[in-house]
Amino acid sequence: KFINKEDFGSCFVLESEGHIKLVKGLAEWRGYDESTCRWLVDHRHVGLHKLGMCFPILSALEKLKGVHIYSPKKRPKFQILGGKQLPWFIGDKSTPVIHIFESQFDAFSLLQLAGTDTSVLITRGASNITKAKGYLESIIGKASSRVAIYIWPQNDVTDDGGQTAAQKWCDGLVNEFQTVHIVHTPNEYEDLD
């Protein structure tokens, strides 16, 4: 569902009460430290829309194009408002290492564990794999072959063909980037989050 002509910037400018509520709510819901949640909110990576918690959809020039909204009580739980779904980069453009995730929640877990100076690219699903390399290279201003790429697949359930959605996601990223390091999440966990 696409809705245009809405000021999405206001989703990321919160008064102190809204800011505190979002930080505490995200920390309780996902199990992150409040300091990580505060950093995410302060840096406009998480905001509030009237429909729910939201995440920015940014162009490669970092222009806010829309929001990716999470509404747990609605179907579908995720909605895109204002634009097309794009990958999402968080981090330092001069980084020598980039971690790629399918989900923002897994990426947020790494930011908590490794520090908010870690650089991540979130594909926001398998359908954005073919956009990932061009988007990343536009953001960092250099060939992706000049950075170490680590991809973090989820431990998905195998389909009827014996393959997982995560394997298809990994295969797509390997095709895009050629040289990557695949991080193995122990089987007892679904993902890093």
Protein backbone atom coordinates (compact mmCIF):
# COMPACT_ATOMS: atom_id res chain seq x y z
CA LYS A 1 0.00 0.00 0.00
CA PHE A 2 1.46 3.35 -1.00
CA ILE A 3 0.31 6.68 0.39
CA ASN A 4 1.89 9.91 -0.81
CA LYS A 5 1.83 13.52 0.36
CA GLU A 6 2.48 12.83 4.02
CA ASP A 7 5.22 14.48 6.10
CA PHE A 8 7.18 11.45 7.23
CA GLY A 9 9.93 13.57 8.77
CA SER A 10 7.63 14.29 11.70
CA CYS A 11 7.72 10.57 12.56
CA PHE A 12 11.34 11.00 13.64
CA VAL A 13 11.00 14.26 15.58
CA LEU A 14 9.57 13.27 18.93
CA GLU A 15 8.80 15.30 22.01
CA SER A 16 10.46 14.01 25.17
CA GLU A 17 7.45 11.93 26.29
CA GLY A 18 7.15 10.21 22.89
CA HIS A 19 10.91 9.71 22.78
CA ILE A 20 10.99 8.06 26.21
CA LYS A 21 7.96 5.87 25.38
CA LEU A 22 9.53 4.67 22.12
CA VAL A 23 12.92 3.94 23.70
CA LYS A 24 11.38 2.01 26.60
CA GLY A 25 8.87 0.20 24.38
CA LEU A 26 11.52 -0.93 21.88
CA ALA A 27 13.83 -2.04 24.70
CA GLU A 28 11.08 -4.08 26.40
CA TRP A 29 9.71 -5.58 23.19
CA ARG A 30 13.01 -6.60 21.54
CA GLY A 31 15.20 -7.02 24.62
CA TYR A 32 17.73 -4.37 23.60
CA ASP A 33 19.52 -2.11 26.06
CA GLU A 34 17.84 1.26 26.50
CA SER A 35 21.10 2.95 25.47
CA THR A 36 20.99 1.19 22.07
CA CYS A 37 17.31 2.11 21.65
CA ARG A 38 18.03 5.71 22.60
CA TRP A 39 20.79 5.83 19.97
CA LEU A 40 18.45 4.36 17.33
CA VAL A 41 15.74 6.92 18.13
CA ASP A 42 18.16 9.85 18.48
CA HIS A 43 19.69 9.06 15.09
CA ARG A 44 16.26 8.79 13.39
CA HIS A 45 16.51 5.04 12.70
CA VAL A 46 13.28 4.37 14.60
CA GLY A 47 10.27 6.65 14.83
CA LEU A 48 6.55 6.73 15.50
CA HIS A 49 3.78 6.95 12.93
CA LYS A 50 0.08 7.01 13.86
CA LEU A 51 -0.09 3.39 12.58
CA GLY A 52 2.86 2.13 14.63
CA MET A 53 6.62 2.03 15.04
CA CYS A 54 8.38 3.05 11.84
CA PHE A 55 11.74 2.89 10.13
CA PRO A 56 12.92 5.31 7.43
CA ILE A 57 13.00 4.53 3.71
CA LEU A 58 15.93 6.59 2.47
CA SER A 59 17.23 7.19 -1.03
CA ALA A 60 20.92 6.60 -1.72
CA LEU A 61 21.26 10.35 -1.18
CA GLU A 62 19.73 9.84 2.28
CA LYS A 63 16.51 11.67 1.41
CA LEU A 64 13.50 10.41 3.37
CA LYS A 65 11.16 8.83 0.81
CA GLY A 66 8.70 7.09 3.12
CA VAL A 67 8.44 4.80 6.09
CA HIS A 68 8.35 1.09 6.75
CA ILE A 69 5.75 0.68 9.50
CA TYR A 70 5.41 -2.16 11.97
CA SER A 71 1.85 -2.54 13.29
CA PRO A 72 1.67 -5.80 15.27
CA LYS A 73 -2.13 -5.82 15.48
CA LYS A 74 -2.72 -5.26 11.75
CA ARG A 75 -2.42 -7.56 8.75
CA PRO A 76 0.02 -7.34 7.18
CA LYS A 77 2.19 -6.39 10.14
CA PHE A 78 4.54 -4.38 7.93
CA GLN A 79 3.39 -1.63 5.57
CA ILE A 80 5.26 0.70 3.25
CA LEU A 81 4.01 4.28 3.12
CA GLY A 82 5.21 6.96 0.76
CA GLY A 83 7.56 5.13 -1.54
CA LYS A 84 9.13 1.90 -2.69
CA GLN A 85 10.99 -0.39 -0.36
CA LEU A 86 14.76 0.14 -0.50
CA PRO A 87 17.68 -1.40 1.34
CA TRP A 88 18.82 0.61 4.34
CA PHE A 89 22.37 1.54 5.33
CA ILE A 90 23.31 2.53 8.87
CA GLY A 91 26.90 3.42 9.60
CA ASP A 92 30.09 5.11 8.54
CA LYS A 93 30.50 5.51 4.78
CA SER A 94 34.28 5.02 5.04
CA THR A 95 33.94 1.67 6.78
CA PRO A 96 36.14 -1.27 5.74
CA VAL A 97 33.49 -3.81 6.91
CA ILE A 98 29.75 -4.01 6.25
CA HIS A 99 27.35 -6.53 7.77
CA ILE A 100 24.26 -7.39 5.71
CA PHE A 101 20.98 -8.50 7.27
CA GLU A 102 17.52 -9.23 5.94
CA SER A 103 15.83 -7.72 9.01
CA GLN A 104 16.42 -4.47 10.85
CA PHE A 105 15.91 -6.26 14.15
CA ASP A 106 18.87 -8.58 13.52
CA ALA A 107 20.96 -5.57 12.49
CA PHE A 108 19.94 -3.71 15.66
CA SER A 109 21.10 -6.73 17.70
CA LEU A 110 24.54 -6.51 16.11
CA LEU A 111 24.65 -2.76 16.75
CA GLN A 112 23.97 -3.52 20.40
CA LEU A 113 26.57 -6.30 20.60
CA ALA A 114 29.36 -4.76 18.50
CA GLY A 115 28.65 -1.07 19.04
CA THR A 116 26.73 1.60 17.19
CA ASP A 117 29.82 2.45 15.14
CA THR A 118 29.28 -0.83 13.25
CA SER A 119 28.09 -0.45 9.63
CA VAL A 120 25.11 -2.49 8.46
CA LEU A 121 23.04 -2.85 5.33
CA ILE A 122 19.49 -4.15 5.77
CA THR A 123 17.95 -5.63 2.62
CA ARG A 124 14.41 -5.64 4.07
CA GLY A 125 13.58 -8.96 2.52
CA ALA A 126 14.83 -11.14 -0.30
CA SER A 127 13.11 -9.03 -2.96
CA ASN A 128 15.67 -6.24 -2.48
CA ILE A 129 18.77 -8.35 -3.06
CA THR A 130 19.26 -7.05 -6.60
CA LYS A 131 19.13 -3.45 -5.31
CA ALA A 132 21.61 -4.05 -2.47
CA LYS A 133 24.94 -3.69 -4.31
CA GLY A 134 24.04 -0.56 -6.30
CA TYR A 135 22.42 1.06 -3.29
CA LEU A 136 25.43 0.31 -1.09
CA GLU A 137 27.93 1.55 -3.66
CA SER A 138 25.92 4.77 -4.06
CA ILE A 139 26.00 5.28 -0.29
CA ILE A 140 29.67 4.50 0.37
CA GLY A 141 30.94 6.06 -2.85
CA LYS A 142 33.20 3.20 -3.84
CA ALA A 143 33.06 -0.31 -5.23
CA SER A 144 31.70 -2.85 -2.77
CA SER A 145 34.73 -5.03 -3.62
CA ARG A 146 36.77 -2.56 -1.55
CA VAL A 147 35.00 -3.52 1.70
CA ALA A 148 34.63 -6.82 3.53
CA ILE A 149 31.01 -8.02 3.33
CA TYR A 150 29.59 -10.27 6.05
CA ILE A 151 26.12 -11.67 5.52
CA TRP A 152 24.01 -12.92 8.40
CA PRO A 153 21.32 -15.37 7.22
CA GLN A 154 18.40 -16.39 9.38
CA ASN A 155 17.82 -20.05 10.23
CA ASP A 156 14.63 -20.48 8.21
CA VAL A 157 12.50 -23.58 7.80
CA THR A 158 13.25 -25.69 4.73
CA ASP A 159 10.69 -25.53 1.91
CA ASP A 160 9.34 -28.48 -0.11
CA GLY A 161 12.34 -28.22 -2.45
CA GLY A 162 14.79 -28.65 0.44
CA GLN A 163 15.94 -25.04 0.44
CA THR A 164 15.35 -22.22 2.91
CA ALA A 165 14.42 -18.62 2.18
CA ALA A 166 17.69 -17.68 3.89
CA GLN A 167 19.66 -19.86 1.47
CA LYS A 168 18.00 -18.14 -1.48
CA TRP A 169 18.80 -14.77 0.15
CA CYS A 170 22.46 -15.81 0.63
CA ASP A 171 22.74 -17.13 -2.93
CA GLY A 172 21.33 -13.86 -4.25
CA LEU A 173 23.81 -11.79 -2.23
CA VAL A 174 26.73 -13.97 -3.31
CA ASN A 175 25.65 -13.43 -6.93
CA GLU A 176 25.49 -9.67 -6.33
CA PHE A 177 28.70 -9.18 -4.35
CA GLN A 178 30.79 -12.20 -5.46
CA THR A 179 33.04 -12.29 -2.40
CA VAL A 180 31.30 -12.42 0.97
CA HIS A 181 31.76 -13.99 4.37
CA ILE A 182 28.71 -15.92 5.56
CA VAL A 183 28.20 -15.85 9.32
CA HIS A 184 26.70 -19.02 10.75
CA THR A 185 24.10 -18.58 13.46
CA PRO A 186 23.92 -21.69 15.67
CA ASN A 187 20.95 -23.89 14.73
CA GLU A 188 19.24 -23.46 18.09
CA TYR A 189 18.65 -19.80 17.24
CA GLU A 190 16.43 -18.46 14.47
CA ASP A 191 18.67 -15.43 13.88
CA LEU A 192 20.96 -12.98 15.64
CA ASP A 193 17.98 -11.21 17.24
